[in-house]
Protein backbone atom coordinates (compact mmCIF):
# COMPACT_ATOMS: atom_id res chain seq x y z
CA MET A 1 -142.44 37.99 76.35
CA PRO A 2 -142.65 35.79 73.18
CA GLN A 3 -144.15 37.41 70.15
CA GLY A 4 -147.10 35.00 70.15
CA GLN A 5 -148.23 36.38 73.51
CA LEU A 6 -148.56 39.96 72.24
CA THR A 7 -151.72 39.49 70.19
CA GLY A 8 -153.89 40.60 73.09
CA THR A 9 -151.78 43.73 73.56
CA ARG A 10 -152.21 44.63 69.88
CA ILE A 11 -155.97 44.17 70.18
CA ARG A 12 -156.09 46.43 73.24
CA GLU A 13 -154.01 49.12 71.51
CA ARG A 14 -156.25 49.10 68.44
CA ARG A 15 -159.37 49.27 70.60
CA LEU A 16 -158.06 52.26 72.54
CA MET A 17 -157.00 54.01 69.34
CA GLN A 18 -160.60 53.75 68.09
CA GLY A 19 -162.09 54.85 71.43
CA LEU A 20 -164.02 51.63 71.95
CA ARG A 21 -164.94 50.20 75.33
CA GLN A 22 -164.30 46.54 76.06
CA ALA A 23 -168.02 45.82 76.20
CA GLU A 24 -168.57 47.41 72.78
CA LEU A 25 -165.81 45.43 71.08
CA ALA A 26 -166.86 42.21 72.83
CA GLN A 27 -170.44 42.64 71.60
CA LYS A 28 -169.28 43.20 68.02
CA ALA A 29 -167.06 40.11 68.16
CA GLY A 30 -169.76 37.96 69.79
CA ILE A 31 -167.92 37.19 73.03
CA SER A 32 -168.25 38.29 76.64
CA ALA A 33 -166.44 41.34 77.99
CA SER A 34 -164.76 39.21 80.66
CA TYR A 35 -163.33 36.87 78.02
CA LEU A 36 -162.08 39.83 75.96
CA ASN A 37 -160.39 41.17 79.10
CA LEU A 38 -158.48 37.89 79.45
CA ILE A 39 -157.44 38.08 75.78
CA GLU A 40 -156.22 41.67 76.05
CA HIS A 41 -154.10 40.77 79.07
CA ASN A 42 -152.52 37.92 77.05
CA ARG A 43 -154.05 35.27 79.27
CA ARG A 44 -155.84 33.56 76.37
CA ARG A 45 -154.39 32.66 72.99
CA ILE A 46 -156.73 33.22 70.08
CA GLY A 47 -156.80 32.42 66.41
CA GLY A 48 -159.03 31.32 63.58
CA LYS A 49 -162.64 32.45 63.67
CA LEU A 50 -162.34 34.59 66.82
CA LEU A 51 -159.28 36.43 65.48
CA LEU A 52 -161.14 37.15 62.23
CA SER A 53 -164.17 38.43 64.18
CA LEU A 54 -162.03 40.80 66.27
CA ALA A 55 -160.17 42.02 63.19
CA GLU A 56 -163.47 42.69 61.43
CA ALA A 57 -164.83 44.53 64.46
CA LEU A 58 -161.67 46.68 64.61
CA LYS A 59 -161.65 47.08 60.79
CA VAL A 60 -158.03 45.94 60.43
CA GLU A 61 -156.27 43.09 58.67
CA PRO A 62 -155.99 39.95 60.84
CA SER A 63 -152.23 39.91 60.19
CA LEU A 64 -151.91 43.19 62.12
CA LEU A 65 -153.25 41.44 65.22
CA SER A 66 -151.73 37.99 64.79
CA GLU A 67 -148.17 36.84 65.23
CA GLY A 68 -147.05 38.23 61.88
CA ALA A 69 -146.32 36.77 58.48
CA GLU A 70 -143.01 35.12 59.44
CA ALA A 71 -144.46 33.28 62.43
CA THR A 72 -147.47 32.19 60.35
CA LEU A 73 -145.15 30.84 57.65
CA ILE A 74 -143.12 28.84 60.18
CA ALA A 75 -146.25 27.49 61.85
CA THR A 76 -147.71 26.37 58.50
CA LEU A 77 -144.44 24.59 57.63
CA GLY A 78 -144.71 22.74 60.93
CA GLU A 79 -148.32 21.78 60.16
CA ALA A 80 -147.36 20.50 56.71
CA ARG A 81 -144.62 18.35 58.25
CA ALA A 82 -146.93 16.99 60.97
CA ALA A 83 -149.66 16.19 58.42
CA ASP A 84 -147.41 13.61 56.73
CA PRO A 85 -146.45 10.92 59.26
CA GLU A 86 -144.29 9.13 56.64
CA ALA A 87 -142.03 12.15 56.00
CA THR A 88 -138.44 11.72 57.13
CA ARG A 89 -137.18 13.78 60.03
CA GLU A 90 -134.78 16.58 59.19
CA GLU A 91 -132.29 18.10 61.56
CA GLU A 92 -132.96 21.55 60.11
CA THR A 93 -135.80 23.34 61.88
CA PRO A 94 -138.65 25.09 60.00
CA GLU A 95 -137.24 28.42 61.20
CA ALA A 96 -133.84 27.68 59.63
CA PHE A 97 -135.43 26.42 56.40
CA ALA A 98 -137.65 29.51 56.07
CA GLY A 99 -134.65 31.74 56.73
CA ARG A 100 -132.42 30.09 54.10
CA TYR A 101 -135.10 29.44 51.45
CA PRO A 102 -137.99 31.89 51.99
CA GLY A 103 -139.29 31.41 48.44
CA TRP A 104 -139.46 27.62 48.71
CA ALA A 105 -140.98 27.91 52.17
CA GLU A 106 -143.74 30.18 50.85
CA LEU A 107 -144.38 27.78 47.95
CA LEU A 108 -144.69 24.82 50.31
CA THR A 109 -147.09 26.65 52.60
CA ARG A 110 -149.30 27.67 49.65
CA ARG A 111 -149.38 24.08 48.41
CA HIS A 112 -150.20 22.82 51.90
CA ARG A 113 -153.10 25.25 52.23
CA ARG A 114 -154.33 24.24 48.78
CA VAL A 115 -154.27 20.56 49.75
CA LEU A 116 -156.35 21.33 52.85
CA GLU A 117 -158.87 23.27 50.74
CA LEU A 118 -159.13 20.39 48.25
CA GLU A 119 -159.62 17.88 51.07
CA ARG A 120 -162.51 19.95 52.42
CA THR A 121 -164.00 20.18 48.92
CA VAL A 122 -163.72 16.41 48.44
CA GLU A 123 -165.32 15.89 51.84
CA VAL A 124 -168.33 18.05 50.93
CA LEU A 125 -168.75 16.58 47.43
CA ASN A 126 -168.47 13.02 48.72
CA ASP A 127 -171.15 13.68 51.31
CA ARG A 128 -173.47 15.25 48.75
CA LEU A 129 -172.98 12.59 46.07
CA THR A 130 -173.57 9.83 48.60
CA HIS A 131 -176.49 11.17 50.60
CA ASP A 132 -178.13 14.12 48.81
CA PRO A 133 -181.75 13.08 48.03
CA PHE A 134 -182.37 16.04 45.73
CA LEU A 135 -179.33 15.25 43.61
CA ALA A 136 -180.37 11.58 43.29
CA ALA A 137 -183.92 12.56 42.29
CA ALA A 138 -182.69 15.13 39.75
CA LEU A 139 -180.32 12.65 38.10
CA HIS A 140 -183.08 10.03 37.96
CA GLU A 141 -185.40 12.55 36.28
CA VAL A 142 -182.77 13.47 33.67
CA LEU A 143 -181.98 9.82 32.89
CA SER A 144 -185.70 8.90 32.66
CA THR A 145 -186.34 11.77 30.25
CA VAL A 146 -183.34 10.86 28.09
CA THR A 147 -184.64 7.26 27.89
CA ALA A 148 -188.09 8.49 26.84
CA ILE A 149 -186.62 10.73 24.12
CA ARG A 150 -184.45 7.93 22.81
CA SER A 151 -187.42 5.56 22.67
CA THR A 152 -189.60 8.05 20.80
CA ALA A 153 -186.81 8.95 18.37
CA GLY A 154 -186.20 5.23 17.72
CA ILE A 155 -189.85 4.70 16.80
CA LEU A 156 -189.80 7.62 14.38
CA ALA A 157 -186.55 6.44 12.77
CA ASP A 158 -187.50 2.77 12.45
CA THR A 159 -191.14 3.22 11.33
CA PRO A 160 -191.26 5.42 8.20
CA GLU A 161 -194.80 4.25 7.31
CA LEU A 162 -196.40 5.85 10.40
CA GLU A 163 -199.70 7.53 9.83
CA PRO A 164 -199.57 11.35 9.95
CA GLU A 165 -201.74 11.46 13.09
CA TRP A 166 -199.43 9.12 15.02
CA ARG A 167 -196.31 10.83 13.65
CA ASP A 168 -197.59 14.21 14.88
CA ARG A 169 -198.32 12.68 18.29
CA PHE A 170 -194.78 11.28 18.56
CA TYR A 171 -193.32 14.64 17.49
CA ARG A 172 -195.39 16.35 20.18
CA ASN A 173 -194.18 13.86 22.82
CA LEU A 174 -190.61 14.37 21.64
CA ASN A 175 -190.93 18.12 21.99
CA GLU A 176 -192.47 17.88 25.48
CA ASP A 177 -189.79 15.44 26.67
CA ALA A 178 -187.03 17.67 25.28
CA ALA A 179 -188.46 20.68 27.13
CA ARG A 180 -188.67 18.62 30.33
CA LEU A 181 -185.07 17.49 29.88
CA ALA A 182 -183.90 21.08 29.40
CA ASP A 183 -185.73 22.22 32.55
CA GLY A 184 -184.37 19.32 34.60
CA ALA A 185 -180.79 19.87 33.40
CA GLN A 186 -180.98 23.61 34.10
CA GLY A 187 -182.35 22.95 37.59
CA LEU A 188 -179.58 20.43 38.28
CA VAL A 189 -176.86 22.81 37.10
CA ALA A 190 -178.33 25.67 39.16
CA TYR A 191 -178.46 23.44 42.25
CA LEU A 192 -174.82 22.40 41.84
CA ASP A 193 -173.72 26.00 41.22
CA GLU A 194 -175.46 27.12 44.42
CA GLY A 195 -173.70 24.43 46.44
CA GLY A 196 -176.88 22.58 47.31
CA ASP A 197 -177.84 25.10 49.99
CA SER A 198 -180.75 26.72 48.22
CA ASP A 199 -184.28 26.29 49.44
CA GLY A 200 -185.02 24.02 46.50
CA GLY A 201 -182.67 21.44 47.97
CA LEU A 202 -184.56 21.11 51.24
CA THR A 203 -186.50 17.98 50.41
CA THR A 204 -186.54 15.99 53.66
CA PRO A 205 -187.95 16.88 57.08
CA GLN A 206 -184.53 16.49 58.70
CA GLU A 207 -182.99 18.98 56.28
CA GLU A 208 -185.74 21.48 57.01
CA VAL A 209 -185.24 21.05 60.76
CA GLU A 210 -181.49 21.59 60.41
CA ALA A 211 -182.00 24.71 58.27
CA PHE A 212 -184.47 26.08 60.83
CA LEU A 213 -182.09 25.44 63.73
CA ARG A 214 -179.17 27.03 61.87
CA ASP A 215 -181.26 30.16 61.36
CA THR A 216 -182.06 30.32 65.10
CA LYS A 217 -178.49 29.37 66.13
CA TYR A 218 -180.05 26.47 68.06
CA HIS A 219 -181.39 28.81 70.76
CA ILE A 220 -185.11 29.71 70.88
CA ALA A 221 -185.33 32.79 73.12
CA ALA A 222 -189.13 32.96 72.74
CA LEU A 223 -189.47 29.63 74.59
CA GLU A 224 -187.16 30.49 77.47
CA THR A 225 -189.37 32.76 79.58
CA GLY A 226 -192.78 34.37 79.90
CA PRO A 227 -193.66 37.87 78.66
CA SER A 228 -190.24 39.18 79.71
CA THR A 229 -187.09 37.81 78.06
CA ALA A 230 -184.96 38.82 81.04
CA ARG A 231 -183.05 36.08 82.80
CA GLY A 232 -184.76 34.74 85.82
CA ALA A 233 -188.30 35.33 84.51
CA THR A 234 -190.97 32.71 85.06
CA PRO A 235 -190.74 29.76 82.63
CA LEU A 236 -193.52 29.41 80.06
CA LYS A 237 -196.62 27.46 80.99
CA ALA A 238 -197.54 24.60 78.65
CA PRO A 239 -200.50 26.34 76.90
CA LYS A 240 -198.47 29.51 76.37
CA ALA A 241 -195.54 27.47 75.06
CA ALA A 242 -197.82 25.74 72.54
CA GLU A 243 -199.03 29.13 71.28
CA ARG A 244 -195.47 30.38 70.95
CA ILE A 245 -194.47 27.23 69.06
CA GLU A 246 -197.26 27.71 66.52
CA GLU A 247 -196.20 31.33 66.02
CA ILE A 248 -192.56 30.31 65.50
CA VAL A 249 -193.49 27.57 63.01
CA ALA A 250 -195.83 29.90 61.09
CA ARG A 251 -193.07 32.52 60.68
CA ALA A 252 -190.39 30.03 59.54
CA ASP A 253 -190.23 30.34 55.74
CA VAL A 254 -187.72 27.50 55.52
CA LEU A 255 -190.38 24.98 56.64
CA GLN A 256 -191.96 24.04 53.32
CA THR A 257 -193.55 20.66 54.05
CA THR A 258 -196.08 19.37 56.56
CA ALA A 259 -193.60 16.74 57.75
CA GLY A 260 -190.92 19.41 58.29
CA ARG A 261 -193.25 21.60 60.32
CA GLY A 262 -194.28 18.59 62.39
CA ALA A 263 -190.66 17.65 63.09
CA VAL A 264 -189.89 21.21 64.21
CA ARG A 265 -192.95 21.24 66.48
CA SER A 266 -191.71 18.06 68.17
CA HIS A 267 -188.26 19.58 68.64
CA LEU A 268 -189.69 22.81 70.05
CA LEU A 269 -191.95 20.93 72.46
CA ARG A 270 -188.90 19.14 73.88
CA TYR A 271 -187.06 22.45 73.99
CA ALA A 272 -189.90 24.07 75.98
CA GLU A 273 -189.96 21.15 78.44
CA ASP A 274 -186.20 21.38 78.95
CA ALA A 275 -186.41 25.16 79.43
CA ARG A 276 -189.18 24.69 81.99
CA ASP A 277 -187.29 22.10 84.05
CA MET A 278 -183.88 23.73 83.59
CA PRO A 279 -184.36 27.54 83.56
CA LEU A 280 -181.74 29.45 81.63
CA ALA A 281 -180.47 31.55 84.55
CA ASP A 282 -180.08 28.45 86.74
CA VAL A 283 -178.25 26.52 84.00
CA LEU A 284 -175.82 29.40 83.45
CA SER A 285 -175.17 29.58 87.18
CA CYS A 286 -174.62 25.82 87.33
CA LEU A 287 -172.29 26.02 84.35
CA ARG A 288 -170.11 28.54 86.16
CA ASP A 289 -170.00 26.28 89.23
CA VAL A 290 -169.33 22.85 87.70
CA GLY A 291 -168.24 23.58 84.12
CA PRO A 292 -169.74 21.99 80.97
CA ASP A 293 -170.03 18.51 82.51
CA PRO A 294 -173.44 17.04 81.52
CA ALA A 295 -173.40 14.47 84.34
CA LEU A 296 -173.04 17.17 87.00
CA VAL A 297 -175.66 19.36 85.30
CA ALA A 298 -178.08 16.41 85.11
CA ARG A 299 -177.53 15.64 88.80
CA ASN A 300 -178.07 19.27 89.77
CA PHE A 301 -181.48 19.45 88.04
CA GLY A 302 -182.56 15.84 88.54
CA VAL A 303 -182.93 15.10 84.81
CA SER A 304 -181.56 12.44 82.47
CA LEU A 305 -178.18 12.76 80.79
CA PRO A 306 -179.65 13.21 77.28
CA ARG A 307 -181.83 16.09 78.52
CA ALA A 308 -178.84 17.77 80.16
CA MET A 309 -176.85 17.37 76.94
CA ARG A 310 -179.67 18.88 74.88
CA ARG A 311 -179.98 21.81 77.26
CA LEU A 312 -176.26 22.57 77.20
CA ALA A 313 -176.27 22.50 73.40
CA ASP A 314 -179.24 24.92 73.37
CA LEU A 315 -177.51 27.65 75.40
CA PRO A 316 -177.02 31.02 73.69
CA THR A 317 -173.46 31.40 72.46
CA ASP A 318 -173.52 35.13 73.21
CA ALA A 319 -174.13 34.51 76.93
CA ASP A 320 -171.27 35.22 79.34
CA ASP A 321 -168.78 32.39 79.74
CA VAL A 322 -170.70 29.84 77.65
CA PRO A 323 -168.34 27.70 75.55
CA GLU A 324 -169.52 26.48 72.17
CA MET A 325 -170.83 22.94 72.32
CA GLY A 326 -171.91 20.48 69.65
CA LEU A 327 -174.42 17.66 69.87
CA VAL A 328 -174.93 14.53 67.78
CA SER A 329 -177.70 11.94 68.20
CA CYS A 330 -178.35 8.65 66.44
CA ASP A 331 -180.99 5.93 66.56
CA ALA A 332 -180.39 2.24 67.22
CA SER A 333 -179.31 1.67 63.60
CA GLY A 334 -176.51 4.22 63.96
CA THR A 335 -178.18 6.72 61.61
CA LEU A 336 -177.64 10.33 62.63
CA ILE A 337 -180.96 11.94 63.55
CA PHE A 338 -179.71 15.24 65.02
CA ARG A 339 -176.60 17.30 64.42
CA LYS A 340 -175.41 20.55 65.97
CA PRO A 341 -171.99 21.12 64.37
CA LEU A 342 -168.96 22.39 66.26
CA ASP A 343 -165.95 24.08 64.66
CA GLY A 344 -163.08 21.63 64.36
CA PHE A 345 -165.21 18.45 64.45
CA SER A 346 -166.63 17.51 61.04
CA LEU A 347 -169.93 15.68 60.78
CA PRO A 348 -171.23 13.79 57.73
CA ARG A 349 -174.56 15.00 56.44
CA PHE A 350 -176.37 11.76 57.23
CA GLY A 351 -175.12 8.44 58.58
CA ALA A 352 -171.94 6.64 57.43
CA ALA A 353 -169.91 8.24 60.22
CA CYS A 354 -166.76 6.88 61.85
CA PRO A 355 -167.65 3.78 63.92
CA LYS A 356 -164.98 4.74 66.49
CA TRP A 357 -167.03 7.71 67.68
CA PRO A 358 -168.05 7.41 71.36
CA LEU A 359 -171.60 7.98 70.09
CA PHE A 360 -171.66 4.52 68.53
CA GLN A 361 -169.63 2.90 71.30
CA ALA A 362 -172.39 3.98 73.70
CA LEU A 363 -174.93 1.91 71.72
CA SER A 364 -172.99 -1.26 72.63
CA GLN A 365 -173.02 -0.25 76.32
CA PRO A 366 -176.57 1.03 76.98
CA MET A 367 -177.03 3.21 80.08
CA MET A 368 -173.23 3.42 80.51
CA PRO A 369 -172.02 7.06 80.26
CA LEU A 370 -168.73 7.45 78.38
CA HIS A 371 -166.19 10.27 78.53
CA ARG A 372 -163.41 10.40 75.95
CA SER A 373 -160.86 12.92 74.72
CA VAL A 374 -160.98 12.92 70.92
CA HIS A 375 -159.70 14.79 67.89
CA GLN A 376 -160.08 14.64 64.10
CA ASP A 377 -156.97 16.65 63.33
CA VAL A 378 -153.87 14.73 62.20
CA ARG A 379 -151.86 17.12 64.36
CA GLY A 380 -154.17 16.58 67.34
CA GLU A 381 -154.50 20.31 68.02
CA ALA A 382 -158.30 20.61 68.12
CA VAL A 383 -159.08 18.34 71.08
CA PHE A 384 -162.60 17.80 72.42
CA ASP A 385 -164.21 16.26 75.47
CA ALA A 386 -166.84 13.84 74.15
CA TYR A 387 -169.63 12.76 76.53
CA ALA A 388 -171.83 9.94 75.21
CA VAL A 389 -174.68 7.80 76.51
CA ALA A 390 -177.36 5.51 75.06
CA GLU A 391 -180.77 5.40 76.76
CA PRO A 392 -184.26 4.18 75.78
CA ALA A 393 -186.11 6.62 73.54
CA GLU A 394 -189.43 5.86 75.28
CA ALA A 395 -190.64 4.79 78.69
CA PRO A 396 -190.20 1.02 79.19
CA SER A 397 -193.15 -1.35 78.90
CA PHE A 398 -193.51 -5.05 79.71
CA ASN A 399 -192.45 -7.63 77.10
CA THR A 400 -191.25 -4.89 74.76
CA PRO A 401 -187.52 -4.54 74.08
CA PRO A 402 -186.30 -0.96 74.58
CA LEU A 403 -185.42 1.11 71.54
CA TYR A 404 -182.23 3.01 72.27
CA GLN A 405 -180.98 6.36 71.07
CA ALA A 406 -177.41 7.56 71.64
CA HIS A 407 -176.30 11.14 72.23
CA MET A 408 -172.82 12.71 72.21
CA LEU A 409 -172.01 16.18 73.56
CA LEU A 410 -168.80 17.76 72.27
CA VAL A 411 -166.96 20.47 74.21
CA ALA A 412 -163.70 22.01 72.99
CA ARG A 413 -160.96 21.29 75.51
CA ASP A 414 -160.35 25.01 76.03
CA GLY A 415 -164.10 25.44 76.61
CA TRP A 416 -163.53 24.68 80.28
CA ASP A 417 -161.06 27.56 80.48
CA ALA A 418 -163.61 29.89 78.88
CA VAL A 419 -165.94 29.44 81.87
CA ALA A 420 -164.64 32.34 83.93
CA GLY A 421 -164.77 31.79 87.66
CA SER A 422 -165.54 28.09 87.39
CA GLY A 423 -164.29 26.42 90.52
CA ARG A 424 -164.30 22.98 88.92
CA LYS A 425 -161.71 21.69 86.49
CA ARG A 426 -161.52 18.61 84.36
CA SER A 427 -160.33 15.56 86.26
CA ALA A 428 -156.60 14.83 86.21
CA ALA A 429 -157.25 11.47 84.52
CA ALA A 430 -159.25 13.10 81.72
CA THR A 431 -156.62 15.79 81.25
CA ALA A 432 -153.73 13.34 81.12
CA ALA A 433 -155.43 10.79 78.87
CA PRO A 434 -154.22 10.98 75.24
CA ALA A 435 -156.85 12.05 72.74
CA THR A 436 -158.22 9.34 70.45
CA ALA A 437 -157.97 10.07 66.73
CA LEU A 438 -161.35 9.80 64.99
CA GLY A 439 -162.35 10.02 61.36
CA ILE A 440 -165.40 11.48 59.63
CA SER A 441 -166.35 8.60 57.36
CA CYS A 442 -164.15 5.87 55.88
CA ARG A 443 -164.23 7.22 52.33
CA ILE A 444 -162.60 10.51 53.32
CA CYS A 445 -160.65 9.44 56.40
CA PRO A 446 -156.85 9.99 56.25
CA LEU A 447 -156.11 7.66 59.18
CA ASN A 448 -154.01 4.68 58.13
CA ASP A 449 -154.15 1.13 59.53
CA CYS A 450 -157.58 1.64 61.11
CA SER A 451 -159.20 -1.59 62.28
CA ALA A 452 -162.67 -0.09 61.82
CA ARG A 453 -162.20 0.85 58.15
CA ARG A 454 -165.02 -0.31 55.87
CA GLU A 455 -163.61 0.90 52.54
CA PRO A 456 -160.41 2.51 51.21
CA SER A 457 -160.06 6.25 51.60
CA ILE A 458 -160.02 8.40 48.48
CA LEU A 459 -157.57 10.63 50.37
CA ALA A 460 -154.96 7.86 50.70
CA GLY A 461 -151.56 9.23 49.81
CA VAL A 462 -152.72 12.87 49.77
């Protein structure tokens, strides 16, 4: 058996050494016991976040569970080579190179990892500098205060014959403006040091909604059922749901503005309606039968595609056999109005996303569901099934053009395999179709010769 297939065996040995049951370790790692059983029997390859979670639960170094330092070194060399499409092909394999020049190989892998870290940093900073409303307001305040100080100082310097009363007034204004400048500069520095994630940076309703949903992990258990939270309990009635929503909003410290609280109420009302028409236990059962296909889920419950997509994205990630799913929505202008991130698929903070996303393609084909295989990785390893559709945001009315919203559900390609016992697999055409390479936004997109590019990438040549 190849070394890479022994990770599950190592995990099982460590678990038994510590006297843990499968259910206990699975709970600590945030996965189902059935999925852990597949891993321990080497029927599922793992890595990244899940490997780190299992290592933390077992209190061991991830390297003790993974394929080992040598295999990691060789794999990273292969990634570095694949990340540069203009590099010349060498007859010597990464294994032979690492064996003959281990020091150079280690240096190259460290540099490659550093480049990836810098690319992620540039991506975050670009997004913040372009779209962060707090940063723009803080810079405007600093510049306005500097202008006021310069104006006052100019008057004092150019007008020596000022009366004492007016001179004292200008000195007082100068002192107040200087104090305001110091406070604004300190606040700006503190915000940048904290990475822009502090509560002080939540200045728009959309940001407050996103912070609230991150805290709840996009699943609101209190709106799923009646007095009991057990699966299969009676869905909440509308009056009871409204009471629960007010309680949830009142307890959410992250909601600082009236507009933010109103936006969350609207989201929770839709959530309660979806939970009423698509009960959690029934959705989980349907998921096991048909897999994470929003069209089949929508048909099963007699709801629209966007509602089925929302419901799938709301499922608890700790439920048995539920793959992680992301959701992105935009209005008719293409501006992102909802984002549920998914590991491996980067989303810009607001707008300015890649026009090749199926999300935007759906806007040009209203009511036409689209299914694409996509990836954002230059190596094409993290592949996703993207389901997109654009439908009217409101019920149609005579002589009024419909206002469309588009929605895109993202499911990791191995998410289908994570649905244990699912009798339905992805269609042969979808499986065989090559994945389309997508960017994040043009300014930080490494894809060359893209017909949809709006501006040069700052990562060109990296």
